[in-house]
Amino acid sequence: MCRNIRTLHNFEPAASDDEVHAAALQYVRKISGSTTPSQANRAAFDRAVAEIAHITQHLLDDLVTTAPPKDREVEAAKAKARSAQRFAPV
C-alpha cells in the first residue's frame, strides 16, 4: 500500500472530506502510475478520485468497532517515534 494513504477509521473527530479525498487521490495516483494525468486522461482521473472518495466515505460511515476512538495527535507522535527509530544513524 502507498505510504501516504493513512488509516482513516476510528478517529475522533472522524476523517474530514479533505482527508478522504487525499487518500482517494493517492490511491488513483498509485494505480495509474501518474501523479499528474495528461489532458486526455484528466476527466477519467478526476472521476475516479471522486468515485473512490465517495465510496470510501460510505465505507467509513458503515464500519463498526468496539475499540475506543484513536487520538490523531497520539497516533502522529507514535508514527514520528517509529520514523525516528527507523532512520536513526547506526
Protein backbone atom coordinates (compact mmCIF):
# COMPACT_ATOMS: atom_id res chain seq x y z
CA MET A 1 0.00 0.00 0.00
CA CYS A 2 1.11 3.54 -0.65
CA ARG A 3 2.78 5.02 2.42
CA ASN A 4 0.85 8.27 2.02
CA ILE A 5 -2.52 6.62 2.48
CA ARG A 6 -3.32 6.73 6.17
CA THR A 7 -5.85 4.83 8.23
CA LEU A 8 -8.99 6.93 8.45
CA HIS A 9 -11.25 4.67 10.52
CA ASN A 10 -11.97 5.08 14.23
CA PHE A 11 -10.57 8.54 14.87
CA GLU A 12 -12.15 11.29 16.90
CA PRO A 13 -13.02 13.56 15.20
CA ALA A 14 -13.94 11.47 12.17
CA ALA A 15 -11.97 11.79 8.95
CA SER A 16 -12.69 15.00 7.10
CA ASP A 17 -13.75 15.21 3.46
CA ASP A 18 -10.27 16.54 2.67
CA GLU A 19 -8.60 13.52 4.26
CA VAL A 20 -10.87 11.12 2.36
CA HIS A 21 -10.19 12.98 -0.90
CA ALA A 22 -6.43 12.96 -0.28
CA ALA A 23 -6.48 9.19 0.29
CA ALA A 24 -8.51 8.67 -2.88
CA LEU A 25 -6.11 10.87 -4.84
CA GLN A 26 -3.09 8.92 -3.57
CA TYR A 27 -4.78 5.64 -4.46
CA VAL A 28 -5.57 6.77 -8.03
CA ARG A 29 -2.06 8.15 -8.46
CA LYS A 30 -0.59 4.85 -7.29
CA ILE A 31 -2.64 2.56 -9.51
CA SER A 32 -2.47 4.85 -12.56
CA GLY A 33 1.28 5.38 -12.22
CA SER A 34 0.77 9.09 -12.76
CA THR A 35 0.83 11.99 -10.32
CA THR A 36 -0.44 14.41 -12.95
CA PRO A 37 -2.59 12.96 -15.71
CA SER A 38 -2.43 14.19 -19.28
CA GLN A 39 -5.25 16.34 -20.62
CA ALA A 40 -6.61 13.24 -22.40
CA ASN A 41 -6.84 11.38 -19.08
CA ARG A 42 -7.79 14.25 -16.75
CA ALA A 43 -11.56 13.58 -16.80
CA ALA A 44 -11.15 9.85 -16.10
CA PHE A 45 -8.59 10.57 -13.35
CA ASP A 46 -10.80 13.17 -11.63
CA ARG A 47 -13.89 10.95 -11.94
CA ALA A 48 -12.01 8.02 -10.37
CA VAL A 49 -10.85 10.19 -7.46
CA ALA A 50 -14.39 11.46 -6.85
CA GLU A 51 -15.93 7.98 -7.01
CA ILE A 52 -13.31 6.42 -4.75
CA ALA A 53 -13.67 9.26 -2.23
CA HIS A 54 -17.45 8.77 -2.28
CA ILE A 55 -17.32 5.02 -1.69
CA THR A 56 -14.58 5.46 0.92
CA GLN A 57 -16.83 7.80 2.88
CA HIS A 58 -19.63 5.21 2.71
CA LEU A 59 -17.24 2.55 3.98
CA LEU A 60 -16.10 4.72 6.88
CA ASP A 61 -19.71 5.54 7.76
CA ASP A 62 -20.69 1.86 7.78
CA LEU A 63 -17.76 0.38 9.71
CA VAL A 64 -18.48 -0.62 13.31
CA THR A 65 -15.96 -1.09 16.11
CA THR A 66 -15.98 -1.60 19.85
CA ALA A 67 -12.50 -0.13 20.23
CA PRO A 68 -12.24 3.37 21.67
CA PRO A 69 -11.56 6.10 19.09
CA LYS A 70 -7.91 6.90 18.44
CA ASP A 71 -6.44 10.33 19.06
CA ARG A 72 -4.79 11.87 15.98
CA GLU A 73 -2.06 13.60 17.95
CA VAL A 74 -1.13 10.43 19.85
CA GLU A 75 -1.04 8.40 16.63
CA ALA A 76 1.09 11.10 14.93
CA ALA A 77 3.54 11.02 17.84
CA LYS A 78 3.78 7.23 17.58
CA ALA A 79 4.45 7.47 13.84
CA LYS A 80 7.11 10.11 14.41
CA ALA A 81 8.81 7.90 17.01
CA ARG A 82 8.75 4.90 14.64
CA SER A 83 10.24 7.05 11.89
CA ALA A 84 12.98 8.38 14.16
CA GLN A 85 13.89 4.84 15.17
CA ARG A 86 13.78 3.59 11.59
CA PHE A 87 16.02 6.32 10.24
CA ALA A 88 18.30 6.68 13.26
CA PRO A 89 22.01 6.53 12.44
CA VAL A 90 23.50 3.13 13.10
